[in-house]
Amino acid sequence: MMETILALFILLQYADGWTTYRILKRDGRELNPVLAKLFDQFGAFPSLIVSKVTYVAAGVWLYVDQQMEILLLLSAIYAWVVWHNFRQLRK
């Protein structure tokens, strides 16, 4: 079960990065002010790669530390983010 939660978290990071990049390519904007600033300074693609690798590393750390409740909560949050991004792409 724990591996499934980690795999879900990693897939959600990929889905968030992919959908965010697609939205930005369609002249959308990043709603997270910290990421928006990074996008402005370093570009969207490099910033997305670094942020997603960082988030996955944090997820692996939570998994190794057996903090499944936190990892599950973060997965739920990112599921909402991905759902929101897909809704934006459908417009």
N, C-alpha and C. Protein backbone atom coordinates (compact mmCIF):
# COMPACT_ATOMS: atom_id res chain seq x y z
N MET A 1 0.81 -1.20 0.00
CA MET A 1 0.00 0.00 0.00
C MET A 1 0.86 1.27 0.00
N MET A 2 1.95 1.23 0.78
CA MET A 2 2.80 2.41 0.86
C MET A 2 3.44 2.73 -0.49
N GLU A 3 3.82 1.69 -1.23
CA GLU A 3 4.42 1.92 -2.54
C GLU A 3 3.41 2.52 -3.51
N THR A 4 2.15 2.14 -3.36
CA THR A 4 1.10 2.67 -4.22
C THR A 4 0.91 4.16 -3.98
N ILE A 5 0.96 4.57 -2.75
CA ILE A 5 0.81 6.00 -2.43
C ILE A 5 1.98 6.79 -3.01
N LEU A 6 3.19 6.26 -2.87
CA LEU A 6 4.36 6.94 -3.45
C LEU A 6 4.25 7.00 -4.97
N ALA A 7 3.85 5.91 -5.60
CA ALA A 7 3.70 5.90 -7.05
C ALA A 7 2.64 6.90 -7.49
N LEU A 8 1.54 6.98 -6.76
CA LEU A 8 0.50 7.96 -7.07
C LEU A 8 1.05 9.37 -6.96
N PHE A 9 1.79 9.65 -5.90
CA PHE A 9 2.37 10.97 -5.72
C PHE A 9 3.30 11.34 -6.87
N ILE A 10 4.13 10.39 -7.29
CA ILE A 10 5.06 10.65 -8.40
C ILE A 10 4.29 10.88 -9.69
N LEU A 11 3.28 10.08 -9.96
CA LEU A 11 2.46 10.28 -11.17
C LEU A 11 1.75 11.62 -11.16
N LEU A 12 1.28 12.03 -10.00
CA LEU A 12 0.62 13.33 -9.88
C LEU A 12 1.60 14.48 -10.13
N GLN A 13 2.85 14.31 -9.72
CA GLN A 13 3.85 15.34 -10.00
C GLN A 13 4.07 15.46 -11.50
N TYR A 14 4.17 14.32 -12.16
CA TYR A 14 4.33 14.34 -13.62
C TYR A 14 3.12 15.00 -14.28
N ALA A 15 1.93 14.60 -13.86
CA ALA A 15 0.70 15.15 -14.45
C ALA A 15 0.59 16.65 -14.20
N ASP A 16 0.96 17.09 -13.02
CA ASP A 16 0.92 18.53 -12.72
C ASP A 16 1.92 19.28 -13.60
N GLY A 17 3.13 18.77 -13.72
CA GLY A 17 4.12 19.43 -14.56
C GLY A 17 3.69 19.50 -16.01
N TRP A 18 3.18 18.38 -16.52
CA TRP A 18 2.75 18.32 -17.92
C TRP A 18 1.59 19.27 -18.19
N THR A 19 0.58 19.23 -17.32
CA THR A 19 -0.59 20.09 -17.55
C THR A 19 -0.24 21.56 -17.35
N THR A 20 0.61 21.85 -16.38
CA THR A 20 1.03 23.24 -16.17
C THR A 20 1.76 23.76 -17.39
N TYR A 21 2.67 22.97 -17.92
CA TYR A 21 3.42 23.39 -19.11
C TYR A 21 2.49 23.61 -20.29
N ARG A 22 1.52 22.72 -20.48
CA ARG A 22 0.55 22.88 -21.57
C ARG A 22 -0.27 24.17 -21.40
N ILE A 23 -0.66 24.46 -20.17
CA ILE A 23 -1.42 25.69 -19.90
C ILE A 23 -0.57 26.90 -20.23
N LEU A 24 0.68 26.89 -19.81
CA LEU A 24 1.57 28.03 -20.07
C LEU A 24 1.82 28.22 -21.56
N LYS A 25 1.91 27.12 -22.31
CA LYS A 25 2.10 27.21 -23.76
C LYS A 25 0.89 27.85 -24.45
N ARG A 26 -0.28 27.76 -23.79
CA ARG A 26 -1.50 28.36 -24.34
C ARG A 26 -1.74 29.75 -23.75
N ASP A 27 -0.68 30.40 -23.31
CA ASP A 27 -0.75 31.75 -22.73
C ASP A 27 -1.49 31.79 -21.41
N GLY A 28 -1.51 30.67 -20.70
CA GLY A 28 -2.07 30.66 -19.36
C GLY A 28 -1.04 31.21 -18.39
N ARG A 29 -1.38 31.18 -17.12
CA ARG A 29 -0.43 31.68 -16.13
C ARG A 29 -0.38 30.75 -14.94
N GLU A 30 0.75 30.79 -14.26
CA GLU A 30 0.95 30.00 -13.05
C GLU A 30 0.30 30.73 -11.88
N LEU A 31 -0.51 30.02 -11.11
CA LEU A 31 -1.22 30.65 -9.99
C LEU A 31 -0.39 30.66 -8.71
N ASN A 32 0.59 29.76 -8.61
CA ASN A 32 1.46 29.74 -7.45
C ASN A 32 2.47 30.89 -7.60
N PRO A 33 2.44 31.89 -6.71
CA PRO A 33 3.32 33.05 -6.88
C PRO A 33 4.81 32.72 -6.80
N VAL A 34 5.18 31.73 -6.02
CA VAL A 34 6.59 31.37 -5.92
C VAL A 34 7.06 30.76 -7.24
N LEU A 35 6.28 29.81 -7.77
CA LEU A 35 6.65 29.21 -9.05
C LEU A 35 6.58 30.24 -10.19
N ALA A 36 5.61 31.12 -10.15
CA ALA A 36 5.50 32.15 -11.19
C ALA A 36 6.77 33.00 -11.24
N LYS A 37 7.30 33.33 -10.08
CA LYS A 37 8.53 34.13 -10.02
C LYS A 37 9.70 33.33 -10.57
N LEU A 38 9.78 32.04 -10.22
CA LEU A 38 10.84 31.19 -10.77
C LEU A 38 10.72 31.07 -12.28
N PHE A 39 9.48 30.93 -12.77
CA PHE A 39 9.26 30.84 -14.22
C PHE A 39 9.77 32.10 -14.91
N ASP A 40 9.50 33.25 -14.31
CA ASP A 40 9.97 34.52 -14.89
C ASP A 40 11.49 34.60 -14.91
N GLN A 41 12.13 34.11 -13.86
CA GLN A 41 13.58 34.23 -13.75
C GLN A 41 14.33 33.19 -14.56
N PHE A 42 13.84 31.96 -14.57
CA PHE A 42 14.62 30.87 -15.16
C PHE A 42 13.93 30.17 -16.33
N GLY A 43 12.70 30.53 -16.61
CA GLY A 43 11.94 29.85 -17.65
C GLY A 43 11.05 28.78 -17.06
N ALA A 44 9.95 28.52 -17.73
CA ALA A 44 8.96 27.58 -17.21
C ALA A 44 9.48 26.15 -17.17
N PHE A 45 10.05 25.68 -18.28
CA PHE A 45 10.46 24.28 -18.35
C PHE A 45 11.53 23.93 -17.32
N PRO A 46 12.64 24.70 -17.25
CA PRO A 46 13.65 24.35 -16.25
C PRO A 46 13.12 24.44 -14.82
N SER A 47 12.30 25.43 -14.55
CA SER A 47 11.73 25.59 -13.21
C SER A 47 10.80 24.44 -12.86
N LEU A 48 10.01 24.00 -13.84
CA LEU A 48 9.14 22.85 -13.60
C LEU A 48 9.95 21.59 -13.32
N ILE A 49 10.99 21.36 -14.09
CA ILE A 49 11.81 20.16 -13.89
C ILE A 49 12.41 20.17 -12.49
N VAL A 50 13.03 21.28 -12.11
CA VAL A 50 13.68 21.35 -10.80
C VAL A 50 12.65 21.21 -9.67
N SER A 51 11.51 21.88 -9.82
CA SER A 51 10.51 21.81 -8.75
C SER A 51 9.94 20.40 -8.64
N LYS A 52 9.67 19.76 -9.75
CA LYS A 52 9.10 18.41 -9.70
C LYS A 52 10.10 17.39 -9.18
N VAL A 53 11.36 17.51 -9.56
CA VAL A 53 12.38 16.61 -9.00
C VAL A 53 12.49 16.82 -7.49
N THR A 54 12.41 18.07 -7.06
CA THR A 54 12.45 18.37 -5.63
C THR A 54 11.26 17.78 -4.91
N TYR A 55 10.07 17.92 -5.48
CA TYR A 55 8.86 17.37 -4.86
C TYR A 55 8.91 15.84 -4.79
N VAL A 56 9.40 15.22 -5.86
CA VAL A 56 9.51 13.75 -5.85
C VAL A 56 10.52 13.32 -4.79
N ALA A 57 11.63 14.03 -4.68
CA ALA A 57 12.61 13.70 -3.65
C ALA A 57 11.99 13.83 -2.25
N ALA A 58 11.20 14.87 -2.05
CA ALA A 58 10.51 15.04 -0.77
C ALA A 58 9.53 13.89 -0.53
N GLY A 59 8.84 13.47 -1.59
CA GLY A 59 7.92 12.35 -1.47
C GLY A 59 8.63 11.06 -1.11
N VAL A 60 9.79 10.83 -1.71
CA VAL A 60 10.58 9.64 -1.39
C VAL A 60 11.05 9.71 0.06
N TRP A 61 11.47 10.89 0.50
CA TRP A 61 11.89 11.05 1.89
C TRP A 61 10.73 10.75 2.84
N LEU A 62 9.54 11.25 2.52
CA LEU A 62 8.37 10.96 3.36
C LEU A 62 8.08 9.46 3.38
N TYR A 63 8.23 8.82 2.23
CA TYR A 63 8.01 7.38 2.13
C TYR A 63 9.02 6.61 3.00
N VAL A 64 10.29 6.95 2.86
CA VAL A 64 11.33 6.27 3.63
C VAL A 64 11.12 6.50 5.13
N ASP A 65 10.69 7.71 5.48
CA ASP A 65 10.45 8.06 6.89
C ASP A 65 9.09 7.55 7.38
N GLN A 66 8.37 6.87 6.50
CA GLN A 66 7.06 6.30 6.79
C GLN A 66 6.04 7.34 7.25
N GLN A 67 6.05 8.46 6.60
CA GLN A 67 5.09 9.53 6.87
C GLN A 67 3.96 9.45 5.84
N MET A 68 3.27 8.33 5.83
CA MET A 68 2.26 8.06 4.81
C MET A 68 1.08 9.03 4.88
N GLU A 69 0.71 9.47 6.07
CA GLU A 69 -0.42 10.39 6.18
C GLU A 69 -0.13 11.70 5.46
N ILE A 70 1.10 12.19 5.63
CA ILE A 70 1.49 13.44 4.97
C ILE A 70 1.56 13.22 3.46
N LEU A 71 2.14 12.11 3.04
CA LEU A 71 2.24 11.82 1.61
C LEU A 71 0.86 11.65 0.99
N LEU A 72 -0.05 11.04 1.70
CA LEU A 72 -1.41 10.88 1.21
C LEU A 72 -2.12 12.24 1.12
N LEU A 73 -1.91 13.10 2.11
CA LEU A 73 -2.49 14.44 2.07
C LEU A 73 -1.95 15.23 0.89
N LEU A 74 -0.64 15.18 0.69
CA LEU A 74 -0.05 15.89 -0.45
C LEU A 74 -0.56 15.33 -1.78
N SER A 75 -0.75 14.03 -1.83
CA SER A 75 -1.30 13.42 -3.05
C SER A 75 -2.71 13.92 -3.32
N ALA A 76 -3.51 14.05 -2.27
CA ALA A 76 -4.87 14.56 -2.43
C ALA A 76 -4.84 16.00 -2.93
N ILE A 77 -3.94 16.80 -2.39
CA ILE A 77 -3.82 18.20 -2.84
C ILE A 77 -3.43 18.24 -4.30
N TYR A 78 -2.44 17.44 -4.68
CA TYR A 78 -1.99 17.45 -6.07
C TYR A 78 -3.04 16.84 -7.01
N ALA A 79 -3.85 15.92 -6.53
CA ALA A 79 -4.95 15.41 -7.36
C ALA A 79 -5.90 16.55 -7.68
N TRP A 80 -6.17 17.40 -6.70
CA TRP A 80 -7.03 18.56 -6.95
C TRP A 80 -6.37 19.52 -7.94
N VAL A 81 -5.06 19.76 -7.78
CA VAL A 81 -4.33 20.66 -8.69
C VAL A 81 -4.39 20.13 -10.12
N VAL A 82 -4.14 18.83 -10.29
CA VAL A 82 -4.17 18.24 -11.63
C VAL A 82 -5.58 18.32 -12.21
N TRP A 83 -6.58 18.04 -11.40
CA TRP A 83 -7.97 18.16 -11.85
C TRP A 83 -8.25 19.59 -12.31
N HIS A 84 -7.82 20.56 -11.53
CA HIS A 84 -8.00 21.98 -11.90
C HIS A 84 -7.28 22.29 -13.21
N ASN A 85 -6.06 21.79 -13.36
CA ASN A 85 -5.30 22.04 -14.59
C ASN A 85 -6.01 21.43 -15.80
N PHE A 86 -6.51 20.20 -15.67
CA PHE A 86 -7.22 19.59 -16.79
C PHE A 86 -8.48 20.39 -17.15
N ARG A 87 -9.15 20.92 -16.15
CA ARG A 87 -10.32 21.77 -16.43
C ARG A 87 -9.91 23.01 -17.22
N GLN A 88 -8.76 23.58 -16.88
CA GLN A 88 -8.28 24.76 -17.61
C GLN A 88 -7.93 24.39 -19.05
N LEU A 89 -7.37 23.22 -19.24
CA LEU A 89 -7.00 22.80 -20.60
C LEU A 89 -8.23 22.55 -21.47
N ARG A 90 -9.32 22.18 -20.86
CA ARG A 90 -10.54 21.90 -21.63
C ARG A 90 -11.24 23.17 -22.10
N LYS A 91 -10.88 24.30 -21.52
CA LYS A 91 -11.55 25.56 -21.90
C LYS A 91 -11.08 26.05 -23.24
